[in-house]
Protein backbone atom coordinates (compact mmCIF):
# COMPACT_ATOMS: atom_id res chain seq x y z
CA MET A 1 42.96 -109.45 -3.33
CA LYS A 2 42.15 -106.05 -1.79
CA ARG A 3 45.55 -105.34 -0.79
CA THR A 4 46.78 -106.39 -4.40
CA LYS A 5 44.29 -103.74 -5.88
CA MET A 6 45.68 -101.13 -3.66
CA LEU A 7 49.38 -101.82 -4.75
CA MET A 8 48.08 -101.63 -8.30
CA ILE A 9 46.42 -98.44 -7.60
CA ALA A 10 49.70 -97.07 -6.28
CA ALA A 11 51.70 -98.43 -9.14
CA LEU A 12 49.33 -96.39 -11.36
CA GLY A 13 50.00 -93.31 -9.75
CA VAL A 14 53.79 -93.97 -10.12
CA ALA A 15 53.19 -94.87 -13.64
CA LEU A 16 51.20 -91.65 -14.42
CA ALA A 17 53.56 -89.63 -12.84
CA SER A 18 56.67 -90.93 -14.70
CA CYS A 19 54.75 -91.08 -18.09
CA GLY A 20 52.09 -88.43 -18.38
CA GLY A 21 53.08 -85.80 -16.04
CA LYS A 22 54.71 -82.47 -16.75
CA SER A 23 57.55 -81.09 -15.06
CA GLY A 24 58.66 -77.61 -16.21
CA GLY A 25 57.51 -78.11 -19.80
CA LYS A 26 59.21 -81.36 -20.18
CA PRO A 27 57.47 -84.83 -19.76
CA ASN A 28 59.07 -86.65 -16.89
CA PHE A 29 60.50 -89.51 -18.70
CA ALA A 30 62.52 -90.47 -15.73
CA ASP A 31 65.74 -90.00 -17.80
CA ASN A 32 68.08 -87.18 -19.05
CA GLU A 33 67.20 -87.38 -22.63
CA TYR A 34 66.56 -83.99 -24.29
CA ALA A 35 66.00 -82.92 -28.00
CA VAL A 36 69.28 -81.11 -29.11
CA ARG A 37 69.63 -79.21 -32.40
CA THR A 38 72.74 -78.15 -34.13
CA VAL A 39 72.81 -74.61 -35.53
CA GLU A 40 72.69 -73.97 -39.08
CA THR A 41 72.24 -70.57 -41.21
CA GLN A 42 69.26 -69.96 -43.30
CA GLY A 43 67.24 -67.21 -45.04
CA THR A 44 64.17 -65.94 -43.82
CA GLU A 45 61.78 -62.91 -44.25
CA LEU A 46 60.43 -60.89 -41.47
CA GLN A 47 57.93 -58.04 -41.56
CA THR A 48 57.86 -54.73 -39.60
CA THR A 49 54.63 -52.87 -39.02
CA TYR A 50 53.80 -49.09 -38.49
CA PRO A 51 50.64 -47.10 -37.70
CA ALA A 52 49.48 -45.56 -40.95
CA THR A 53 46.94 -42.74 -41.85
CA ILE A 54 45.38 -43.01 -45.44
CA LYS A 55 44.83 -39.68 -47.54
CA GLY A 56 43.78 -38.75 -51.09
CA ILE A 57 46.74 -37.92 -53.23
CA GLN A 58 44.88 -34.37 -53.38
CA ASP A 59 42.53 -33.48 -50.71
CA VAL A 60 40.95 -30.00 -51.53
CA GLN A 61 38.79 -28.15 -49.14
CA ILE A 62 36.07 -26.25 -50.82
CA ARG A 63 35.33 -22.89 -49.18
CA PRO A 64 33.39 -19.97 -50.31
CA LYS A 65 35.01 -16.71 -51.50
CA VAL A 66 32.03 -14.68 -51.10
CA SER A 67 29.32 -14.45 -48.20
CA GLY A 68 25.75 -15.53 -48.74
CA PHE A 69 23.00 -18.06 -48.28
CA ILE A 70 23.30 -21.38 -49.92
CA THR A 71 20.72 -21.52 -52.53
CA LYS A 72 21.52 -25.05 -54.25
CA ILE A 73 23.51 -28.05 -53.51
CA CYS A 74 24.26 -29.79 -56.83
CA VAL A 75 26.22 -33.05 -55.57
CA HIS A 76 25.66 -35.33 -52.93
CA GLU A 77 28.24 -37.00 -50.44
CA GLY A 78 30.30 -39.93 -51.98
CA GLN A 79 29.78 -38.42 -55.58
CA THR A 80 32.54 -38.70 -58.13
CA VAL A 81 33.00 -35.21 -59.61
CA SER A 82 35.23 -33.71 -62.52
CA ALA A 83 37.19 -30.70 -62.32
CA GLY A 84 35.15 -27.36 -63.20
CA GLN A 85 31.86 -29.31 -62.03
CA LEU A 86 29.36 -27.09 -60.22
CA LEU A 87 28.97 -27.94 -56.53
CA PHE A 88 27.10 -25.14 -54.89
CA VAL A 89 25.15 -21.92 -55.68
CA ILE A 90 25.15 -19.03 -53.23
CA ASP A 91 22.58 -16.21 -53.36
CA ASN A 92 23.92 -13.73 -55.91
CA GLU A 93 21.23 -11.12 -56.34
CA THR A 94 23.42 -8.57 -54.83
CA TYR A 95 26.46 -9.62 -57.06
CA GLN A 96 24.25 -9.50 -59.96
CA ALA A 97 23.24 -5.97 -59.24
CA GLN A 98 26.80 -4.93 -58.70
CA VAL A 99 27.53 -6.34 -62.34
CA ARG A 100 24.83 -4.45 -63.92
CA GLN A 101 25.95 -1.23 -62.27
CA ALA A 102 29.63 -1.96 -63.47
CA LYS A 103 28.32 -2.40 -66.83
CA ALA A 104 26.48 0.90 -66.93
CA SER A 105 29.53 2.56 -65.59
CA VAL A 106 31.60 1.10 -68.55
CA ASN A 107 28.96 2.34 -71.01
CA THR A 108 29.12 5.74 -69.33
CA ALA A 109 32.99 5.89 -69.68
CA LYS A 110 32.77 4.95 -73.33
CA ALA A 111 30.29 7.72 -74.15
CA GLN A 112 32.67 10.29 -72.23
CA LEU A 113 35.95 8.80 -74.18
CA ALA A 114 34.21 8.98 -77.52
CA THR A 115 33.08 12.78 -76.68
CA SER A 116 36.68 13.63 -75.46
CA LYS A 117 38.04 12.06 -78.49
CA LEU A 118 35.95 14.05 -80.77
CA THR A 119 36.73 17.29 -78.90
CA TYR A 120 40.54 16.54 -79.02
CA GLU A 121 40.46 15.74 -82.75
CA ASN A 122 38.66 19.15 -83.54
CA SER A 123 41.07 21.04 -81.22
CA LYS A 124 44.06 19.79 -83.47
CA GLU A 125 42.29 21.00 -86.62
CA LEU A 126 41.53 24.53 -84.86
CA PHE A 127 45.19 24.71 -83.66
CA ALA A 128 46.64 23.85 -87.24
CA ASN A 129 44.51 26.79 -88.40
CA LYS A 130 45.80 29.09 -85.65
CA VAL A 131 42.37 29.36 -84.51
CA ILE A 132 43.06 28.18 -80.78
CA GLY A 133 46.42 28.28 -78.56
CA ASP A 134 48.58 25.44 -77.07
CA PHE A 135 46.38 25.69 -73.92
CA GLU A 136 43.11 24.92 -75.57
CA LEU A 137 44.89 21.94 -77.32
CA GLN A 138 46.68 20.71 -74.22
CA THR A 139 43.52 20.97 -72.24
CA SER A 140 41.50 18.77 -74.78
CA GLU A 141 44.22 16.23 -74.90
CA ASN A 142 44.30 15.91 -71.24
CA ASN A 143 40.37 15.26 -71.14
CA TYR A 144 40.85 12.59 -73.74
CA THR A 145 43.49 10.80 -71.64
CA THR A 146 41.32 11.17 -68.64
CA ALA A 147 38.56 9.64 -70.46
CA GLN A 148 40.49 6.80 -71.43
CA ALA A 149 41.69 6.12 -67.76
CA ALA A 150 38.11 6.46 -66.75
CA LEU A 151 37.08 3.70 -69.06
CA ALA A 152 39.87 1.50 -68.09
CA GLN A 153 38.90 1.81 -64.55
CA ALA A 154 35.18 1.09 -65.17
CA GLN A 155 35.97 -1.90 -67.16
CA ALA A 156 38.34 -3.25 -64.09
CA ALA A 157 35.25 -2.75 -61.81
CA LEU A 158 33.28 -4.69 -64.19
CA ALA A 159 35.80 -7.55 -64.29
CA SER A 160 35.84 -7.64 -60.42
CA ALA A 161 32.19 -7.65 -60.20
CA GLU A 162 31.78 -10.64 -62.57
CA GLU A 163 34.42 -12.40 -60.73
CA ALA A 164 32.45 -11.89 -57.47
CA LEU A 165 29.44 -13.13 -59.16
CA SER A 166 31.38 -16.14 -60.38
CA PHE A 167 32.28 -17.09 -56.92
CA CYS A 168 28.69 -17.34 -56.14
CA TYR A 169 28.84 -20.75 -58.22
CA VAL A 170 31.30 -22.96 -56.47
CA LYS A 171 32.92 -25.44 -58.54
CA SER A 172 35.33 -28.25 -58.02
CA PRO A 173 38.99 -27.27 -58.63
CA ALA A 174 39.95 -31.00 -59.03
CA ALA A 175 38.34 -34.30 -59.99
CA GLY A 176 37.81 -36.38 -57.13
CA VAL A 177 35.17 -37.70 -54.61
CA VAL A 178 32.98 -35.45 -52.55
CA GLY A 179 33.23 -35.59 -48.78
CA SER A 180 30.58 -34.70 -46.08
CA LEU A 181 28.27 -31.73 -46.65
CA PRO A 182 28.15 -30.02 -43.37
CA TYR A 183 25.71 -27.31 -44.59
CA LYS A 184 22.41 -27.32 -46.05
CA VAL A 185 20.54 -25.14 -48.35
CA GLY A 186 19.54 -21.75 -46.44
CA ALA A 187 22.81 -21.84 -44.28
CA LEU A 188 24.72 -18.75 -44.17
CA VAL A 189 28.43 -19.15 -45.37
CA SER A 190 31.49 -17.24 -45.84
CA ALA A 191 35.29 -17.38 -46.33
CA SER A 192 35.69 -17.37 -42.52
CA SER A 193 33.15 -20.14 -41.92
CA VAL A 194 34.72 -23.00 -39.48
CA ASP A 195 34.02 -25.84 -41.75
CA PRO A 196 34.61 -26.14 -45.43
CA LEU A 197 31.66 -26.79 -47.78
CA THR A 198 32.79 -29.94 -48.55
CA THR A 199 36.16 -31.61 -49.54
CA VAL A 200 36.94 -33.27 -52.78
CA SER A 201 39.51 -35.89 -52.65
CA ASP A 202 41.56 -37.47 -55.57
CA ILE A 203 41.49 -40.97 -54.72
CA LYS A 204 42.73 -42.64 -57.99
CA THR A 205 46.05 -42.96 -55.97
CA MET A 206 46.22 -42.91 -52.04
CA GLU A 207 48.95 -41.62 -50.09
CA VAL A 208 49.53 -43.51 -46.83
CA TYR A 209 51.57 -41.70 -44.19
CA PHE A 210 53.74 -43.57 -41.72
CA SER A 211 56.60 -42.71 -39.42
CA VAL A 212 59.78 -44.74 -38.82
CA THR A 213 62.40 -44.14 -36.07
CA GLU A 214 65.54 -42.06 -36.54
CA LYS A 215 67.51 -45.13 -35.86
CA ASP A 216 65.75 -46.83 -38.76
CA MET A 217 66.05 -43.93 -41.15
CA LEU A 218 69.93 -43.88 -40.48
CA THR A 219 69.99 -47.55 -41.24
CA MET A 220 68.01 -47.29 -44.50
CA THR A 221 70.19 -44.36 -45.66
CA LYS A 222 73.53 -45.99 -44.75
CA GLY A 223 75.14 -47.52 -47.80
CA ALA A 224 72.59 -45.80 -50.15
CA ASP A 225 73.05 -42.60 -52.22
CA GLY A 226 71.64 -40.32 -49.63
CA LEU A 227 67.83 -40.13 -48.82
CA ALA A 228 66.75 -40.15 -52.65
CA GLY A 229 68.73 -43.39 -53.09
CA ALA A 230 67.29 -45.19 -49.76
CA ILE A 231 63.82 -44.24 -51.13
CA ALA A 232 64.36 -45.49 -54.52
CA ALA A 233 65.61 -49.01 -52.98
CA TYR A 234 63.14 -49.22 -50.38
CA PRO A 235 61.08 -52.42 -50.82
CA ALA A 236 57.49 -52.46 -51.91
CA VAL A 237 55.14 -52.31 -48.88
CA LYS A 238 51.70 -53.76 -48.01
CA LEU A 239 48.75 -51.98 -46.29
CA GLN A 240 46.76 -53.84 -43.58
CA LEU A 241 43.43 -52.20 -43.33
CA ALA A 242 41.40 -51.61 -40.01
CA ASP A 243 39.39 -55.05 -40.44
CA GLY A 244 42.78 -56.83 -40.62
CA THR A 245 42.83 -57.72 -44.23
CA VAL A 246 45.70 -56.70 -46.51
CA TYR A 247 44.98 -54.70 -49.32
CA ASP A 248 45.52 -56.39 -52.64
CA GLN A 249 47.61 -53.55 -54.24
CA PRO A 250 51.32 -53.16 -53.26
CA GLY A 251 52.55 -49.72 -52.46
CA LYS A 252 55.56 -47.69 -53.19
CA VAL A 253 57.43 -45.24 -50.75
CA VAL A 254 58.02 -42.17 -52.84
CA LYS A 255 58.68 -39.30 -50.31
CA ALA A 256 60.11 -38.61 -46.83
CA SER A 257 60.24 -35.82 -44.65
CA GLY A 258 63.76 -34.04 -44.57
CA VAL A 259 63.37 -32.95 -40.84
CA ILE A 260 63.13 -35.45 -37.65
CA ASP A 261 60.32 -34.43 -35.51
CA ALA A 262 61.84 -33.42 -32.08
CA ALA A 263 58.91 -34.21 -30.07
CA THR A 264 58.77 -38.04 -31.27
CA GLY A 265 62.37 -38.74 -32.82
CA SER A 266 60.68 -40.02 -35.93
CA VAL A 267 60.73 -39.25 -39.54
CA SER A 268 57.44 -39.28 -41.91
CA LEU A 269 57.25 -41.43 -44.95
CA ILE A 270 54.87 -41.55 -47.66
CA ALA A 271 53.67 -44.57 -49.65
CA GLN A 272 51.45 -44.40 -52.73
CA PHE A 273 48.92 -47.13 -53.57
CA PRO A 274 46.75 -47.36 -56.55
CA ASN A 275 43.07 -47.36 -56.02
CA PRO A 276 41.34 -48.54 -59.07
CA LYS A 277 38.23 -49.85 -57.05
CA HIS A 278 38.00 -46.91 -54.89
CA GLU A 279 38.19 -49.41 -51.85
CA LEU A 280 40.47 -46.90 -49.98
CA ARG A 281 38.86 -43.92 -48.61
CA SER A 282 40.65 -40.57 -47.46
CA GLY A 283 40.92 -40.33 -43.66
CA GLY A 284 41.11 -43.95 -43.14
CA ALA A 285 43.52 -45.87 -40.93
CA GLY A 286 45.71 -49.01 -41.24
CA GLN A 287 49.12 -50.35 -40.92
CA ILE A 288 52.06 -50.23 -43.25
CA ILE A 289 53.92 -53.69 -43.63
CA VAL A 290 57.49 -53.49 -44.60
CA PRO A 291 59.13 -56.87 -45.52
CA VAL A 292 62.66 -57.55 -44.45
CA THR A 293 64.64 -60.25 -46.15
CA ALA A 294 67.40 -61.96 -44.10
CA SER A 295 70.15 -64.21 -45.39
CA ASN A 296 72.55 -66.57 -43.78
CA VAL A 297 71.26 -66.04 -40.36
CA VAL A 298 70.68 -68.16 -37.35
CA ILE A 299 67.10 -69.04 -36.43
CA ILE A 300 65.96 -70.87 -33.41
CA PRO A 301 62.64 -71.86 -31.98
CA GLN A 302 61.30 -69.33 -29.03
CA GLU A 303 60.59 -72.41 -26.99
CA ALA A 304 64.31 -73.02 -26.78
CA THR A 305 64.90 -69.82 -25.05
CA SER A 306 64.24 -68.47 -21.51
CA GLU A 307 64.02 -64.85 -20.54
CA VAL A 308 65.28 -63.19 -17.22
CA GLN A 309 65.28 -59.50 -16.92
CA ASN A 310 64.61 -58.78 -20.66
CA LYS A 311 67.75 -60.88 -21.54
CA LYS A 312 67.36 -64.13 -23.47
CA PHE A 313 69.18 -67.56 -22.69
CA VAL A 314 69.74 -70.86 -24.15
CA TYR A 315 71.29 -74.05 -23.06
CA LEU A 316 74.31 -74.77 -25.30
CA VAL A 317 75.57 -78.42 -25.15
CA GLY A 318 79.17 -79.16 -24.73
CA LYS A 319 81.31 -82.08 -26.04
CA ASP A 320 80.94 -83.60 -22.75
CA ASN A 321 77.02 -83.36 -23.16
CA LYS A 322 76.81 -80.90 -20.22
CA VAL A 323 74.60 -77.82 -20.87
CA LYS A 324 75.76 -74.23 -20.34
CA TYR A 325 73.25 -71.31 -19.73
CA THR A 326 74.22 -69.01 -22.38
CA GLU A 327 72.87 -65.49 -23.18
CA ILE A 328 72.13 -64.73 -26.56
CA LYS A 329 71.05 -61.59 -28.59
CA VAL A 330 68.08 -61.72 -31.17
CA ASN A 331 66.51 -59.41 -33.71
CA PRO A 332 63.65 -57.17 -31.93
CA GLN A 333 61.65 -58.24 -34.94
CA ASP A 334 60.10 -61.84 -34.81
CA ASP A 335 57.29 -64.00 -36.30
CA GLY A 336 56.00 -64.88 -32.78
CA ASN A 337 57.52 -68.54 -33.21
CA THR A 338 61.27 -68.09 -33.75
CA TYR A 339 64.03 -65.81 -33.15
CA ILE A 340 66.68 -64.51 -35.39
CA VAL A 341 70.06 -64.71 -33.18
CA THR A 342 72.25 -61.82 -33.69
CA GLU A 343 74.97 -62.91 -31.04
CA GLY A 344 75.61 -66.01 -28.72
CA LEU A 345 75.20 -68.75 -31.36
CA LYS A 346 77.21 -69.65 -34.56
CA PRO A 347 77.08 -72.49 -36.96
CA GLY A 348 77.91 -75.94 -35.53
CA ASP A 349 76.88 -75.25 -31.98
CA ARG A 350 74.55 -77.54 -30.39
CA PHE A 351 71.65 -76.27 -28.15
CA VAL A 352 68.70 -77.84 -26.28
CA SER A 353 65.65 -77.02 -28.43
CA LYS A 354 62.79 -78.75 -26.13
CA GLY A 355 62.01 -78.87 -22.41
CA ILE A 356 64.52 -76.61 -21.20
CA THR A 357 62.60 -75.68 -18.04
CA SER A 358 63.69 -78.86 -16.27
CA LEU A 359 67.29 -78.24 -17.18
CA THR A 360 70.20 -76.51 -14.73
CA ASP A 361 73.34 -75.14 -15.53
CA GLY A 362 76.15 -77.71 -15.80
CA MET A 363 73.63 -80.75 -15.98
CA GLU A 364 74.77 -83.61 -18.14
CA ILE A 365 72.27 -84.86 -20.67
CA LYS A 366 71.57 -87.43 -23.36
CA PRO A 367 71.19 -85.79 -26.60
CA ILE A 368 68.47 -87.10 -28.78
CA THR A 369 66.77 -85.88 -32.00
CA GLU A 370 63.60 -83.85 -31.90
CA GLU A 371 61.88 -86.72 -33.90
CA GLN A 372 62.83 -89.15 -30.90
CA TYR A 373 61.82 -86.54 -28.30
CA ASN A 374 58.22 -85.94 -30.05
CA LYS A 375 57.89 -89.74 -30.34
CA LYS A 376 58.43 -90.38 -26.79
CA ILE A 377 55.89 -87.56 -26.06
CA ASP A 378 53.47 -89.24 -28.12
CA ASP A 379 53.94 -92.82 -26.41
CA ALA A 380 53.62 -91.24 -23.16
CA ALA A 381 50.28 -89.76 -24.06
CA LYS A 382 48.91 -92.84 -25.59
CA LEU A 383 49.78 -94.71 -22.53
CA GLY A 384 48.13 -91.99 -20.26
CA GLU A 385 44.97 -92.24 -22.44
CA LYS A 386 45.08 -96.13 -21.90
CA GLN A 387 45.89 -96.02 -18.15
CA GLY A 388 43.32 -92.74 -17.75
CA SER A 389 41.93 -94.17 -14.16
CA ALA A 390 42.76 -96.38 -11.57
CA SER A 391 39.69 -98.68 -12.46
CA ASP A 392 40.89 -98.88 -16.13
CA PHE A 393 44.37 -99.76 -14.89
CA ALA A 394 43.05 -102.38 -12.58
CA ASP A 395 40.92 -103.70 -15.45
CA VAL A 396 43.99 -103.76 -17.68
CA MET A 397 46.01 -105.47 -14.97
CA SER A 398 43.17 -108.08 -14.45
CA GLY A 399 42.83 -108.89 -18.12
CA LYS A 400 39.38 -107.34 -18.41
CA LYS A 401 40.53 -104.91 -20.95
């Protein structure tokens, strides 16, 4: 009896090795049956991703045009403002004094002009009555002209002073959302300050910047009516956000750089996305997703290929059912599960689709369908579960289970 049990355990080892063991990715069925698929063409859609930077369609840096201390901040970070809305107030006492001085100068110039005008009018009458000569008349006329120029100069100085005073009231040049506020009340600012007072971003529509290679740009423009035609024909794109989610609004490529960056060999493209809910913020990052539709292409599972020195190979099955180790070329873009074959396979060819690691070049196989192959794996797995241990096997053999 003991000898019989030992023989049963040994038989169990053989059974498990032949049914449940793995050999290079293929269960060892103790036969030469392999799943074989016939090449067919079909359509598919791939996607290419590019790192991207998000900006408002208009990002305006707000800088002071005069120097002074900030006396009032009229907005807060993230606030939506309209064009012309007051943002900051800068200390303006000095500029108000300059306006008052300029107004006084204008009044003085007006009085001098009125006096010189009266003198000139009187001189013309005296000259007509031959009381004075040409010299006196010309002198009064020159004085009148000088007074006019003095008034114009004073008015110009007043306009300049009023403009300088208006610069103390910093207003938004465009509608948008207020950015960070690096300066607080009491801070001394000027036009030469390192940081702007803030940035106002128009985020109703967002511009997303991304770059494509020179090769991609050449491919895109071939067959199109130049760059403008290529942009018009560019497919709608998607935006993947930093958290991995895809933005729910499609985008459209609207602009492209006319110059190739010599340092990177890339061309910058700009896609616009509507932003009705203000979900996108200027300065954000993400990835542009460009869909690529391919028709009448050969698609094979990646598990049917092997890679050696960055080259991909498959096992073609000949008419005599012998396999041939064959190099293929694939599209660099893939979905992680399949490859689009560009060279090496054609419709009607047969290739081994599963368990290729146990094959050798020139080996003769027995082709079966993938359904049959999968069924054999399932059957082997069930048998392995049933005969999971030597004791279970002995119980089965003795009739206890």
